[in-house]
């Protein structure tokens, strides 16, 4: 990935993924109290933003340098439902490609239910 000024130096591949917990909001739900498909993507977006911020990367500096994320592909595999009153834990695993490309894999796990629920993005 092109890295103007070394701004992404804190974003190295690691064997331990970054994790963040996000409470499910009413606005994340459909009429059946399931989390909407759009909310899953927003959880992943939130986790990536939190990850780069915690790594010390300035998102405003990246944008000022003309560097920013663009989703070229999004794949979601739903393994179980996520519902109202759950909290979701989202992790980020970064894989750096050639040139300007990279891949981020997320696993979303419901944390306030009686059994683990997992999704992969």
PDB file of N, CA and C in Angstrom:
ATOM      1  N   UNK A   1       0.837  -1.174   0.000  1.00  0.00           N
ATOM      2  CA  UNK A   1       0.000   0.000   0.000  1.00  0.00           C
ATOM      3  C   UNK A   1       0.880   1.234   0.000  1.00  0.00           C
ATOM      4  N   UNK A   2       0.574   2.192  -0.812  1.00  0.00           N
ATOM      5  CA  UNK A   2       1.304   3.443  -0.835  1.00  0.00           C
ATOM      6  C   UNK A   2       1.148   4.129   0.513  1.00  0.00           C
ATOM      7  N   UNK A   3       2.251   4.588   1.082  1.00  0.00           N
ATOM      8  CA  UNK A   3       2.236   5.149   2.433  1.00  0.00           C
ATOM      9  C   UNK A   3       2.945   6.501   2.440  1.00  0.00           C
ATOM     10  N   UNK A   4       2.255   7.575   2.018  1.00  0.00           N
ATOM     11  CA  UNK A   4       2.905   8.875   1.975  1.00  0.00           C
ATOM     12  C   UNK A   4       3.332   9.323   3.359  1.00  0.00           C
ATOM     13  N   UNK A   5       4.600   9.648   3.497  1.00  0.00           N
ATOM     14  CA  UNK A   5       5.112  10.159   4.765  1.00  0.00           C
ATOM     15  C   UNK A   5       5.179   9.130   5.875  1.00  0.00           C
ATOM     16  N   UNK A   6       5.041   7.848   5.567  1.00  0.00           N
ATOM     17  CA  UNK A   6       5.116   6.817   6.599  1.00  0.00           C
ATOM     18  C   UNK A   6       3.978   6.861   7.598  1.00  0.00           C
ATOM     19  N   UNK A   7       2.816   7.383   7.196  1.00  0.00           N
ATOM     20  CA  UNK A   7       1.697   7.541   8.126  1.00  0.00           C
ATOM     21  C   UNK A   7       1.080   6.224   8.576  1.00  0.00           C
ATOM     22  N   UNK A   8       1.307   5.145   7.842  1.00  0.00           N
ATOM     23  CA  UNK A   8       0.707   3.858   8.195  1.00  0.00           C
ATOM     24  C   UNK A   8       1.682   2.940   8.922  1.00  0.00           C
ATOM     25  N   UNK A   9       2.782   3.486   9.400  1.00  0.00           N
ATOM     26  CA  UNK A   9       3.817   2.666  10.031  1.00  0.00           C
ATOM     27  C   UNK A   9       3.276   1.856  11.206  1.00  0.00           C
ATOM     28  N   UNK A  10       2.276   2.349  11.903  1.00  0.00           N
ATOM     29  CA  UNK A  10       1.716   1.630  13.048  1.00  0.00           C
ATOM     30  C   UNK A  10       0.793   0.492  12.677  1.00  0.00           C
ATOM     31  N   UNK A  11       0.513   0.319  11.393  1.00  0.00           N
ATOM     32  CA  UNK A  11      -0.448  -0.673  10.948  1.00  0.00           C
ATOM     33  C   UNK A  11       0.237  -1.915  10.405  1.00  0.00           C
ATOM     34  N   UNK A  12       1.000  -2.597  11.210  1.00  0.00           N
ATOM     35  CA  UNK A  12       1.696  -3.805  10.785  1.00  0.00           C
ATOM     36  C   UNK A  12       0.788  -5.019  10.946  1.00  0.00           C
ATOM     37  N   UNK A  13       1.063  -6.063  10.155  1.00  0.00           N
ATOM     38  CA  UNK A  13       0.353  -7.324  10.343  1.00  0.00           C
ATOM     39  C   UNK A  13       0.771  -7.924  11.674  1.00  0.00           C
ATOM     40  N   UNK A  14      -0.202  -8.430  12.416  1.00  0.00           N
ATOM     41  CA  UNK A  14       0.088  -9.063  13.695  1.00  0.00           C
ATOM     42  C   UNK A  14      -0.670 -10.369  13.783  1.00  0.00           C
ATOM     43  N   UNK A  15      -0.241 -11.245  14.676  1.00  0.00           N
ATOM     44  CA  UNK A  15      -0.947 -12.502  14.863  1.00  0.00           C
ATOM     45  C   UNK A  15      -2.138 -12.328  15.809  1.00  0.00           C
ATOM     46  N   UNK A  16      -2.161 -11.237  16.565  1.00  0.00           N
ATOM     47  CA  UNK A  16      -3.266 -10.957  17.487  1.00  0.00           C
ATOM     48  C   UNK A  16      -4.110  -9.845  16.885  1.00  0.00           C
ATOM     49  N   UNK A  17      -5.385 -10.115  16.576  1.00  0.00           N
ATOM     50  CA  UNK A  17      -6.199  -9.080  15.947  1.00  0.00           C
ATOM     51  C   UNK A  17      -6.620  -7.998  16.942  1.00  0.00           C
ATOM     52  N   UNK A  18      -6.875  -6.819  16.414  1.00  0.00           N
ATOM     53  CA  UNK A  18      -7.459  -5.729  17.191  1.00  0.00           C
ATOM     54  C   UNK A  18      -8.928  -6.079  17.441  1.00  0.00           C
ATOM     55  N   UNK A  19      -9.446  -5.767  18.629  1.00  0.00           N
ATOM     56  CA  UNK A  19     -10.850  -6.050  18.960  1.00  0.00           C
ATOM     57  C   UNK A  19     -11.499  -4.836  19.594  1.00  0.00           C
ATOM     58  N   UNK A  20     -12.775  -4.656  19.295  1.00  0.00           N
ATOM     59  CA  UNK A  20     -13.563  -3.592  19.904  1.00  0.00           C
ATOM     60  C   UNK A  20     -14.972  -4.134  20.160  1.00  0.00           C
ATOM     61  N   UNK A  21     -15.567  -3.724  21.283  1.00  0.00           N
ATOM     62  CA  UNK A  21     -16.944  -4.108  21.607  1.00  0.00           C
ATOM     63  C   UNK A  21     -17.884  -2.960  21.273  1.00  0.00           C
ATOM     64  N   UNK A  22     -19.010  -3.305  20.651  1.00  0.00           N
ATOM     65  CA  UNK A  22     -19.988  -2.312  20.233  1.00  0.00           C
ATOM     66  C   UNK A  22     -21.367  -2.751  20.716  1.00  0.00           C
ATOM     67  N   UNK A  23     -22.053  -1.907  21.487  1.00  0.00           N
ATOM     68  CA  UNK A  23     -23.420  -2.262  21.892  1.00  0.00           C
ATOM     69  C   UNK A  23     -24.385  -2.124  20.709  1.00  0.00           C
ATOM     70  N   UNK A  24     -25.367  -3.012  20.642  1.00  0.00           N
ATOM     71  CA  UNK A  24     -26.381  -2.946  19.596  1.00  0.00           C
ATOM     72  C   UNK A  24     -27.364  -1.831  19.955  1.00  0.00           C
ATOM     73  N   UNK A  25     -27.585  -0.920  18.998  1.00  0.00           N
ATOM     74  CA  UNK A  25     -28.501   0.197  19.197  1.00  0.00           C
ATOM     75  C   UNK A  25     -29.857  -0.127  18.557  1.00  0.00           C
ATOM     76  N   UNK A  26     -30.879   0.541  18.983  1.00  0.00           N
ATOM     77  CA  UNK A  26     -32.202   0.347  18.396  1.00  0.00           C
ATOM     78  C   UNK A  26     -32.162   0.623  16.898  1.00  0.00           C
ATOM     79  N   UNK A  27     -31.387   1.602  16.478  1.00  0.00           N
ATOM     80  CA  UNK A  27     -31.308   1.943  15.056  1.00  0.00           C
ATOM     81  C   UNK A  27     -30.615   0.854  14.226  1.00  0.00           C
ATOM     82  N   UNK A  28     -29.985  -0.130  14.856  1.00  0.00           N
ATOM     83  CA  UNK A  28     -29.336  -1.242  14.157  1.00  0.00           C
ATOM     84  C   UNK A  28     -30.313  -2.371  13.839  1.00  0.00           C
ATOM     85  N   UNK A  29     -31.563  -2.257  14.292  1.00  0.00           N
ATOM     86  CA  UNK A  29     -32.509  -3.374  14.249  1.00  0.00           C
ATOM     87  C   UNK A  29     -33.576  -3.220  13.172  1.00  0.00           C
ATOM     88  N   UNK A  30     -34.042  -4.375  12.679  1.00  0.00           N
ATOM     89  CA  UNK A  30     -35.194  -4.398  11.780  1.00  0.00           C
ATOM     90  C   UNK A  30     -36.459  -4.634  12.625  1.00  0.00           C
ATOM     91  N   UNK A  31     -37.645  -4.684  12.024  1.00  0.00           N
ATOM     92  CA  UNK A  31     -38.878  -4.865  12.812  1.00  0.00           C
ATOM     93  C   UNK A  31     -38.944  -6.175  13.604  1.00  0.00           C
ATOM     94  N   UNK A  32     -38.155  -7.192  13.203  1.00  0.00           N
ATOM     95  CA  UNK A  32     -38.129  -8.465  13.942  1.00  0.00           C
ATOM     96  C   UNK A  32     -37.054  -8.477  15.030  1.00  0.00           C
ATOM     97  N   UNK A  33     -36.447  -7.315  15.279  1.00  0.00           N
ATOM     98  CA  UNK A  33     -35.398  -7.136  16.290  1.00  0.00           C
ATOM     99  C   UNK A  33     -34.109  -7.882  15.962  1.00  0.00           C
ATOM    100  N   UNK A  34     -33.873  -8.134  14.671  1.00  0.00           N
ATOM    101  CA  UNK A  34     -32.594  -8.657  14.188  1.00  0.00           C
ATOM    102  C   UNK A  34     -31.743  -7.481  13.733  1.00  0.00           C
ATOM    103  N   UNK A  35     -30.442  -7.622  13.824  1.00  0.00           N
ATOM    104  CA  UNK A  35     -29.539  -6.595  13.313  1.00  0.00           C
ATOM    105  C   UNK A  35     -29.634  -6.580  11.785  1.00  0.00           C
ATOM    106  N   UNK A  36     -29.714  -5.386  11.197  1.00  0.00           N
ATOM    107  CA  UNK A  36     -29.820  -5.247   9.742  1.00  0.00           C
ATOM    108  C   UNK A  36     -28.480  -5.528   9.068  1.00  0.00           C
ATOM    109  N   UNK A  37     -28.533  -5.871   7.796  1.00  0.00           N
ATOM    110  CA  UNK A  37     -27.312  -6.107   7.043  1.00  0.00           C
ATOM    111  C   UNK A  37     -26.412  -4.878   7.002  1.00  0.00           C
ATOM    112  N   UNK A  38     -27.009  -3.703   6.869  1.00  0.00           N
ATOM    113  CA  UNK A  38     -26.216  -2.470   6.834  1.00  0.00           C
ATOM    114  C   UNK A  38     -25.471  -2.250   8.142  1.00  0.00           C
ATOM    115  N   UNK A  39     -26.075  -2.637   9.260  1.00  0.00           N
ATOM    116  CA  UNK A  39     -25.426  -2.446  10.564  1.00  0.00           C
ATOM    117  C   UNK A  39     -24.162  -3.297  10.676  1.00  0.00           C
ATOM    118  N   UNK A  40     -24.167  -4.513  10.116  1.00  0.00           N
ATOM    119  CA  UNK A  40     -22.963  -5.344  10.152  1.00  0.00           C
ATOM    120  C   UNK A  40     -21.801  -4.621   9.471  1.00  0.00           C
ATOM    121  N   UNK A  41     -22.067  -4.004   8.312  1.00  0.00           N
ATOM    122  CA  UNK A  41     -21.012  -3.277   7.616  1.00  0.00           C
ATOM    123  C   UNK A  41     -20.565  -2.073   8.440  1.00  0.00           C
ATOM    124  N   UNK A  42     -21.493  -1.388   9.095  1.00  0.00           N
ATOM    125  CA  UNK A  42     -21.129  -0.248   9.940  1.00  0.00           C
ATOM    126  C   UNK A  42     -20.278  -0.692  11.128  1.00  0.00           C
ATOM    127  N   UNK A  43     -20.565  -1.861  11.702  1.00  0.00           N
ATOM    128  CA  UNK A  43     -19.735  -2.374  12.807  1.00  0.00           C
ATOM    129  C   UNK A  43     -18.305  -2.595  12.324  1.00  0.00           C
ATOM    130  N   UNK A  44     -18.156  -3.177  11.129  1.00  0.00           N
ATOM    131  CA  UNK A  44     -16.823  -3.414  10.571  1.00  0.00           C
ATOM    132  C   UNK A  44     -16.111  -2.089  10.283  1.00  0.00           C
ATOM    133  N   UNK A  45     -16.832  -1.119   9.719  1.00  0.00           N
ATOM    134  CA  UNK A  45     -16.247   0.200   9.454  1.00  0.00           C
ATOM    135  C   UNK A  45     -15.776   0.847  10.756  1.00  0.00           C
ATOM    136  N   UNK A  46     -16.611   0.786  11.787  1.00  0.00           N
ATOM    137  CA  UNK A  46     -16.263   1.362  13.092  1.00  0.00           C
ATOM    138  C   UNK A  46     -15.000   0.701  13.657  1.00  0.00           C
ATOM    139  N   UNK A  47     -14.923  -0.625  13.557  1.00  0.00           N
ATOM    140  CA  UNK A  47     -13.767  -1.350  14.087  1.00  0.00           C
ATOM    141  C   UNK A  47     -12.485  -0.952  13.360  1.00  0.00           C
ATOM    142  N   UNK A  48     -12.532  -0.819  12.027  1.00  0.00           N
ATOM    143  CA  UNK A  48     -11.337  -0.410  11.282  1.00  0.00           C
ATOM    144  C   UNK A  48     -10.895   0.994  11.675  1.00  0.00           C
ATOM    145  N   UNK A  49     -11.826   1.920  11.821  1.00  0.00           N
ATOM    146  CA  UNK A  49     -11.498   3.283  12.215  1.00  0.00           C
ATOM    147  C   UNK A  49     -10.873   3.297  13.608  1.00  0.00           C
ATOM    148  N   UNK A  50     -11.461   2.541  14.549  1.00  0.00           N
ATOM    149  CA  UNK A  50     -10.907   2.460  15.911  1.00  0.00           C
ATOM    150  C   UNK A  50      -9.510   1.847  15.889  1.00  0.00           C
ATOM    151  N   UNK A  51      -9.302   0.853  15.033  1.00  0.00           N
ATOM    152  CA  UNK A  51      -8.004   0.181  14.949  1.00  0.00           C
ATOM    153  C   UNK A  51      -6.911   1.133  14.474  1.00  0.00           C
ATOM    154  N   UNK A  52      -7.163   1.855  13.380  1.00  0.00           N
ATOM    155  CA  UNK A  52      -6.122   2.744  12.869  1.00  0.00           C
ATOM    156  C   UNK A  52      -5.871   3.898  13.829  1.00  0.00           C
ATOM    157  N   UNK A  53      -6.914   4.364  14.491  1.00  0.00           N
ATOM    158  CA  UNK A  53      -6.752   5.445  15.469  1.00  0.00           C
ATOM    159  C   UNK A  53      -5.899   4.972  16.643  1.00  0.00           C
ATOM    160  N   UNK A  54      -6.183   3.768  17.153  1.00  0.00           N
ATOM    161  CA  UNK A  54      -5.411   3.239  18.283  1.00  0.00           C
ATOM    162  C   UNK A  54      -3.965   2.958  17.900  1.00  0.00           C
ATOM    163  N   UNK A  55      -3.727   2.660  16.617  1.00  0.00           N
ATOM    164  CA  UNK A  55      -2.353   2.424  16.141  1.00  0.00           C
ATOM    165  C   UNK A  55      -1.579   3.730  15.969  1.00  0.00           C
ATOM    166  N   UNK A  56      -2.247   4.856  16.230  1.00  0.00           N
ATOM    167  CA  UNK A  56      -1.570   6.144  16.139  1.00  0.00           C
ATOM    168  C   UNK A  56      -1.622   6.781  14.760  1.00  0.00           C
ATOM    169  N   UNK A  57      -2.446   6.230  13.880  1.00  0.00           N
ATOM    170  CA  UNK A  57      -2.586   6.777  12.535  1.00  0.00           C
ATOM    171  C   UNK A  57      -3.630   7.890  12.578  1.00  0.00           C
ATOM    172  N   UNK A  58      -3.294   9.039  12.031  1.00  0.00           N
ATOM    173  CA  UNK A  58      -4.218  10.164  11.969  1.00  0.00           C
ATOM    174  C   UNK A  58      -5.057  10.051  10.701  1.00  0.00           C
ATOM    175  N   UNK A  59      -6.341   9.761  10.861  1.00  0.00           N
ATOM    176  CA  UNK A  59      -7.215   9.655   9.698  1.00  0.00           C
ATOM    177  C   UNK A  59      -7.315  10.995   8.962  1.00  0.00           C
ATOM    178  N   UNK A  60      -7.462  12.137   9.658  1.00  0.00           N
ATOM    179  CA  UNK A  60      -7.465  13.409   8.927  1.00  0.00           C
ATOM    180  C   UNK A  60      -6.182  13.642   8.127  1.00  0.00           C
ATOM    181  N   UNK A  61      -5.020  13.248   8.672  1.00  0.00           N
ATOM    182  CA  UNK A  61      -3.764  13.389   7.924  1.00  0.00           C
ATOM    183  C   UNK A  61      -3.749  12.494   6.687  1.00  0.00           C
ATOM    184  N   UNK A  62      -4.275  11.271   6.822  1.00  0.00           N
ATOM    185  CA  UNK A  62      -4.358  10.377   5.660  1.00  0.00           C
ATOM    186  C   UNK A  62      -5.213  10.995   4.572  1.00  0.00           C
ATOM    187  N   UNK A  63      -6.382  11.496   4.966  1.00  0.00           N
ATOM    188  CA  UNK A  63      -7.293  12.083   3.986  1.00  0.00           C
ATOM    189  C   UNK A  63      -6.682  13.317   3.335  1.00  0.00           C
ATOM    190  N   UNK A  64      -5.980  14.142   4.120  1.00  0.00           N
ATOM    191  CA  UNK A  64      -5.317  15.331   3.578  1.00  0.00           C
ATOM    192  C   UNK A  64      -4.240  14.949   2.566  1.00  0.00           C
ATOM    193  N   UNK A  65      -3.623  13.781   2.747  1.00  0.00           N
ATOM    194  CA  UNK A  65      -2.588  13.304   1.825  1.00  0.00           C
ATOM    195  C   UNK A  65      -3.180  12.570   0.621  1.00  0.00           C
ATOM    196  N   UNK A  66      -4.514  12.483   0.577  1.00  0.00           N
ATOM    197  CA  UNK A  66      -5.163  11.810  -0.549  1.00  0.00           C
ATOM    198  C   UNK A  66      -5.255  10.314  -0.405  1.00  0.00           C
ATOM    199  N   UNK A  67      -5.078   9.809   0.808  1.00  0.00           N
ATOM    200  CA  UNK A  67      -5.159   8.375   1.064  1.00  0.00           C
ATOM    201  C   UNK A  67      -6.435   8.114   1.860  1.00  0.00           C
ATOM    202  N   UNK A  68      -7.223   7.172   1.418  1.00  0.00           N
ATOM    203  CA  UNK A  68      -8.441   6.849   2.143  1.00  0.00           C
ATOM    204  C   UNK A  68      -8.952   5.486   1.750  1.00  0.00           C
ATOM    205  N   UNK A  69      -9.758   4.894   2.601  1.00  0.00           N
ATOM    206  CA  UNK A  69     -10.279   3.552   2.325  1.00  0.00           C
ATOM    207  C   UNK A  69     -11.385   3.585   1.265  1.00  0.00           C
ATOM    208  N   UNK A  70     -11.366   2.575   0.433  1.00  0.00           N
ATOM    209  CA  UNK A  70     -12.422   2.364  -0.549  1.00  0.00           C
ATOM    210  C   UNK A  70     -12.745   0.879  -0.518  1.00  0.00           C
ATOM    211  N   UNK A  71     -13.997   0.542  -0.307  1.00  0.00           N
ATOM    212  CA  UNK A  71     -14.399  -0.868  -0.330  1.00  0.00           C
ATOM    213  C   UNK A  71     -14.530  -1.319  -1.783  1.00  0.00           C
ATOM    214  N   UNK A  72     -13.616  -2.185  -2.216  1.00  0.00           N
ATOM    215  CA  UNK A  72     -13.690  -2.741  -3.557  1.00  0.00           C
ATOM    216  C   UNK A  72     -14.509  -4.023  -3.584  1.00  0.00           C
ATOM    217  N   UNK A  73     -14.580  -4.672  -2.430  1.00  0.00           N
ATOM    218  CA  UNK A  73     -15.311  -5.934  -2.341  1.00  0.00           C
ATOM    219  C   UNK A  73     -15.750  -6.125  -0.895  1.00  0.00           C
ATOM    220  N   UNK A  74     -16.949  -6.656  -0.709  1.00  0.00           N
ATOM    221  CA  UNK A  74     -17.459  -6.942   0.628  1.00  0.00           C
ATOM    222  C   UNK A  74     -18.188  -8.276   0.578  1.00  0.00           C
ATOM    223  N   UNK A  75     -17.737  -9.208   1.385  1.00  0.00           N
ATOM    224  CA  UNK A  75     -18.378 -10.517   1.487  1.00  0.00           C
ATOM    225  C   UNK A  75     -18.762 -10.738   2.941  1.00  0.00           C
ATOM    226  N   UNK A  76     -20.005 -11.158   3.161  1.00  0.00           N
ATOM    227  CA  UNK A  76     -20.481 -11.431   4.510  1.00  0.00           C
ATOM    228  C   UNK A  76     -21.006 -12.858   4.541  1.00  0.00           C
ATOM    229  N   UNK A  77     -20.602 -13.588   5.545  1.00  0.00           N
ATOM    230  CA  UNK A  77     -21.123 -14.940   5.764  1.00  0.00           C
ATOM    231  C   UNK A  77     -21.803 -14.935   7.120  1.00  0.00           C
ATOM    232  N   UNK A  78     -23.116 -15.039   7.126  1.00  0.00           N
ATOM    233  CA  UNK A  78     -23.893 -15.029   8.360  1.00  0.00           C
ATOM    234  C   UNK A  78     -23.981 -16.451   8.905  1.00  0.00           C
ATOM    235  N   UNK A  79     -23.498 -16.653  10.112  1.00  0.00           N
ATOM    236  CA  UNK A  79     -23.547 -17.983  10.721  1.00  0.00           C
ATOM    237  C   UNK A  79     -24.655 -18.093  11.759  1.00  0.00           C
ATOM    238  N   UNK A  80     -24.984 -16.996  12.408  1.00  0.00           N
ATOM    239  CA  UNK A  80     -26.090 -16.930  13.367  1.00  0.00           C
ATOM    240  C   UNK A  80     -26.580 -15.494  13.396  1.00  0.00           C
ATOM    241  N   UNK A  81     -27.776 -15.314  13.944  1.00  0.00           N
ATOM    242  CA  UNK A  81     -28.334 -13.963  14.016  1.00  0.00           C
ATOM    243  C   UNK A  81     -27.794 -13.199  15.220  1.00  0.00           C
ATOM    244  N   UNK A  82     -27.784 -11.914  15.083  1.00  0.00           N
ATOM    245  CA  UNK A  82     -27.452 -11.002  16.170  1.00  0.00           C
ATOM    246  C   UNK A  82     -28.711 -10.193  16.416  1.00  0.00           C
ATOM    247  N   UNK A  83     -29.075 -10.027  17.682  1.00  0.00           N
ATOM    248  CA  UNK A  83     -30.382  -9.448  18.000  1.00  0.00           C
ATOM    249  C   UNK A  83     -30.261  -8.301  18.996  1.00  0.00           C
ATOM    250  N   UNK A  84     -31.409  -7.732  19.284  1.00  0.00           N
ATOM    251  CA  UNK A  84     -31.511  -6.656  20.280  1.00  0.00           C
ATOM    252  C   UNK A  84     -30.915  -7.124  21.606  1.00  0.00           C
ATOM    253  N   UNK A  85     -30.341  -6.193  22.339  1.00  0.00           N
ATOM    254  CA  UNK A  85     -29.746  -6.418  23.662  1.00  0.00           C
ATOM    255  C   UNK A  85     -28.444  -7.194  23.632  1.00  0.00           C
ATOM    256  N   UNK A  86     -27.919  -7.511  22.448  1.00  0.00           N
ATOM    257  CA  UNK A  86     -26.597  -8.126  22.344  1.00  0.00           C
ATOM    258  C   UNK A  86     -25.537  -7.029  22.317  1.00  0.00           C
ATOM    259  N   UNK A  87     -24.334  -7.419  22.584  1.00  0.00           N
ATOM    260  CA  UNK A  87     -23.154  -6.608  22.321  1.00  0.00           C
ATOM    261  C   UNK A  87     -22.332  -7.403  21.335  1.00  0.00           C
ATOM    262  N   UNK A  88     -21.747  -6.736  20.361  1.00  0.00           N
ATOM    263  CA  UNK A  88     -20.956  -7.436  19.359  1.00  0.00           C
ATOM    264  C   UNK A  88     -19.483  -7.087  19.556  1.00  0.00           C
ATOM    265  N   UNK A  89     -18.632  -8.091  19.513  1.00  0.00           N
ATOM    266  CA  UNK A  89     -17.184  -7.892  19.521  1.00  0.00           C
ATOM    267  C   UNK A  89     -16.696  -8.072  18.088  1.00  0.00           C
ATOM    268  N   UNK A  90     -15.992  -7.066  17.591  1.00  0.00           N
ATOM    269  CA  UNK A  90     -15.521  -7.076  16.208  1.00  0.00           C
ATOM    270  C   UNK A  90     -14.003  -7.046  16.222  1.00  0.00           C
ATOM    271  N   UNK A  91     -13.388  -7.973  15.502  1.00  0.00           N
ATOM    272  CA  UNK A  91     -11.928  -7.926  15.393  1.00  0.00           C
ATOM    273  C   UNK A  91     -11.521  -7.580  13.970  1.00  0.00           C
ATOM    274  N   UNK A  92     -10.286  -7.113  13.831  1.00  0.00           N
ATOM    275  CA  UNK A  92      -9.715  -6.725  12.538  1.00  0.00           C
ATOM    276  C   UNK A  92      -8.390  -7.445  12.352  1.00  0.00           C
ATOM    277  N   UNK A  93      -8.244  -8.123  11.213  1.00  0.00           N
ATOM    278  CA  UNK A  93      -6.976  -8.726  10.828  1.00  0.00           C
ATOM    279  C   UNK A  93      -6.613  -8.168   9.458  1.00  0.00           C
ATOM    280  N   UNK A  94      -5.469  -7.491   9.386  1.00  0.00           N
ATOM    281  CA  UNK A  94      -5.046  -6.792   8.174  1.00  0.00           C
ATOM    282  C   UNK A  94      -4.108  -7.678   7.373  1.00  0.00           C
ATOM    283  N   UNK A  95      -4.312  -7.722   6.076  1.00  0.00           N
ATOM    284  CA  UNK A  95      -3.427  -8.417   5.146  1.00  0.00           C
ATOM    285  C   UNK A  95      -3.042  -7.419   4.067  1.00  0.00           C
ATOM    286  N   UNK A  96      -1.752  -7.113   3.980  1.00  0.00           N
ATOM    287  CA  UNK A  96      -1.283  -6.115   3.020  1.00  0.00           C
ATOM    288  C   UNK A  96      -1.017  -6.762   1.681  1.00  0.00           C
ATOM    289  N   UNK A  97      -1.521  -6.141   0.620  1.00  0.00           N
ATOM    290  CA  UNK A  97      -1.350  -6.643  -0.738  1.00  0.00           C
ATOM    291  C   UNK A  97      -0.284  -5.870  -1.477  1.00  0.00           C
ATOM    292  N   UNK A  98      -0.322  -6.000  -2.781  1.00  0.00           N
ATOM    293  CA  UNK A  98       0.618  -5.293  -3.650  1.00  0.00           C
ATOM    294  C   UNK A  98       0.076  -3.904  -3.965  1.00  0.00           C
ATOM    295  N   UNK A  99       0.962  -2.956  -4.114  1.00  0.00           N
ATOM    296  CA  UNK A  99       0.543  -1.603  -4.488  1.00  0.00           C
ATOM    297  C   UNK A  99      -0.293  -0.952  -3.402  1.00  0.00           C
ATOM    298  N   UNK A 100      -1.488  -0.515  -3.771  1.00  0.00           N
ATOM    299  CA  UNK A 100      -2.349   0.229  -2.848  1.00  0.00           C
ATOM    300  C   UNK A 100      -3.420  -0.638  -2.197  1.00  0.00           C
ATOM    301  N   UNK A 101      -3.325  -1.932  -2.333  1.00  0.00           N
ATOM    302  CA  UNK A 101      -4.421  -2.776  -1.853  1.00  0.00           C
ATOM    303  C   UNK A 101      -4.099  -3.444  -0.525  1.00  0.00           C
ATOM    304  N   UNK A 102      -5.155  -3.703   0.210  1.00  0.00           N
ATOM    305  CA  UNK A 102      -5.078  -4.468   1.447  1.00  0.00           C
ATOM    306  C   UNK A 102      -6.432  -5.113   1.690  1.00  0.00           C
ATOM    307  N   UNK A 103      -6.443  -6.059   2.572  1.00  0.00           N
ATOM    308  CA  UNK A 103      -7.662  -6.776   2.929  1.00  0.00           C
ATOM    309  C   UNK A 103      -7.775  -6.747   4.436  1.00  0.00           C
ATOM    310  N   UNK A 104      -8.995  -6.579   4.920  1.00  0.00           N
ATOM    311  CA  UNK A 104      -9.255  -6.643   6.350  1.00  0.00           C
ATOM    312  C   UNK A 104     -10.319  -7.713   6.564  1.00  0.00           C
ATOM    313  N   UNK A 105      -9.998  -8.706   7.380  1.00  0.00           N
ATOM    314  CA  UNK A 105     -10.985  -9.729   7.717  1.00  0.00           C
ATOM    315  C   UNK A 105     -11.490  -9.431   9.115  1.00  0.00           C
ATOM    316  N   UNK A 106     -12.802  -9.491   9.256  1.00  0.00           N
ATOM    317  CA  UNK A 106     -13.435  -9.248  10.549  1.00  0.00           C
ATOM    318  C   UNK A 106     -14.173 -10.505  10.994  1.00  0.00           C
ATOM    319  N   UNK A 107     -14.142 -10.779  12.282  1.00  0.00           N
ATOM    320  CA  UNK A 107     -15.034 -11.757  12.883  1.00  0.00           C
ATOM    321  C   UNK A 107     -15.874 -10.998  13.887  1.00  0.00           C
ATOM    322  N   UNK A 108     -17.186 -11.131  13.767  1.00  0.00           N
ATOM    323  CA  UNK A 108     -18.115 -10.488  14.693  1.00  0.00           C
ATOM    324  C   UNK A 108     -18.685 -11.567  15.596  1.00  0.00           C
ATOM    325  N   UNK A 109     -18.619 -11.352  16.886  1.00  0.00           N
ATOM    326  CA  UNK A 109     -19.085 -12.335  17.853  1.00  0.00           C
ATOM    327  C   UNK A 109     -20.043 -11.668  18.820  1.00  0.00           C
ATOM    328  N   UNK A 110     -21.263 -12.200  18.937  1.00  0.00           N
ATOM    329  CA  UNK A 110     -22.200 -11.713  19.941  1.00  0.00           C
ATOM    330  C   UNK A 110     -21.692 -12.113  21.314  1.00  0.00           C
ATOM    331  N   UNK A 111     -21.602 -11.163  22.231  1.00  0.00           N
ATOM    332  CA  UNK A 111     -20.973 -11.445  23.522  1.00  0.00           C
ATOM    333  C   UNK A 111     -21.952 -11.510  24.687  1.00  0.00           C
ATOM    334  N   UNK A 112     -23.204 -11.158  24.483  1.00  0.00           N
ATOM    335  CA  UNK A 112     -24.146 -11.156  25.603  1.00  0.00           C
ATOM    336  C   UNK A 112     -25.227 -12.212  25.436  1.00  0.00           C
ATOM    337  N   UNK A 113     -24.900 -13.279  24.724  1.00  0.00           N
ATOM    338  CA  UNK A 113     -25.844 -14.360  24.506  1.00  0.00           C
ATOM    339  C   UNK A 113     -25.332 -15.616  25.197  1.00  0.00           C
ATOM    340  N   UNK A 114     -26.125 -16.641  25.237  1.00  0.00           N
ATOM    341  CA  UNK A 114     -25.741 -17.858  25.959  1.00  0.00           C
ATOM    342  C   UNK A 114     -24.749 -18.721  25.200  1.00  0.00           C
ATOM    343  N   UNK A 115     -24.601 -18.536  23.913  1.00  0.00           N
ATOM    344  CA  UNK A 115     -23.621 -19.280  23.125  1.00  0.00           C
ATOM    345  C   UNK A 115     -22.966 -18.313  22.149  1.00  0.00           C
ATOM    346  N   UNK A 116     -21.746 -18.587  21.744  1.00  0.00           N
ATOM    347  CA  UNK A 116     -21.066 -17.676  20.813  1.00  0.00           C
ATOM    348  C   UNK A 116     -21.789 -17.633  19.470  1.00  0.00           C
ATOM    349  N   UNK A 117     -21.877 -16.466  18.918  1.00  0.00           N
ATOM    350  CA  UNK A 117     -22.410 -16.273  17.573  1.00  0.00           C
ATOM    351  C   UNK A 117     -21.316 -15.595  16.783  1.00  0.00           C
ATOM    352  N   UNK A 118     -21.035 -16.096  15.581  1.00  0.00           N
ATOM    353  CA  UNK A 118     -19.904 -15.570  14.828  1.00  0.00           C
ATOM    354  C   UNK A 118     -20.312 -15.248  13.390  1.00  0.00           C
ATOM    355  N   UNK A 119     -19.673 -14.239  12.852  1.00  0.00           N
ATOM    356  CA  UNK A 119     -19.823 -13.835  11.448  1.00  0.00           C
ATOM    357  C   UNK A 119     -18.450 -13.535  10.928  1.00  0.00           C
ATOM    358  N   UNK A 120     -18.256 -13.712   9.658  1.00  0.00           N
ATOM    359  CA  UNK A 120     -16.986 -13.335   9.031  1.00  0.00           C
ATOM    360  C   UNK A 120     -17.287 -12.368   7.912  1.00  0.00           C
ATOM    361  N   UNK A 121     -16.468 -11.321   7.824  1.00  0.00           N
ATOM    362  CA  UNK A 121     -16.612 -10.343   6.752  1.00  0.00           C
ATOM    363  C   UNK A 121     -15.298 -10.272   6.014  1.00  0.00           C
TER     364      UNK A 121
END
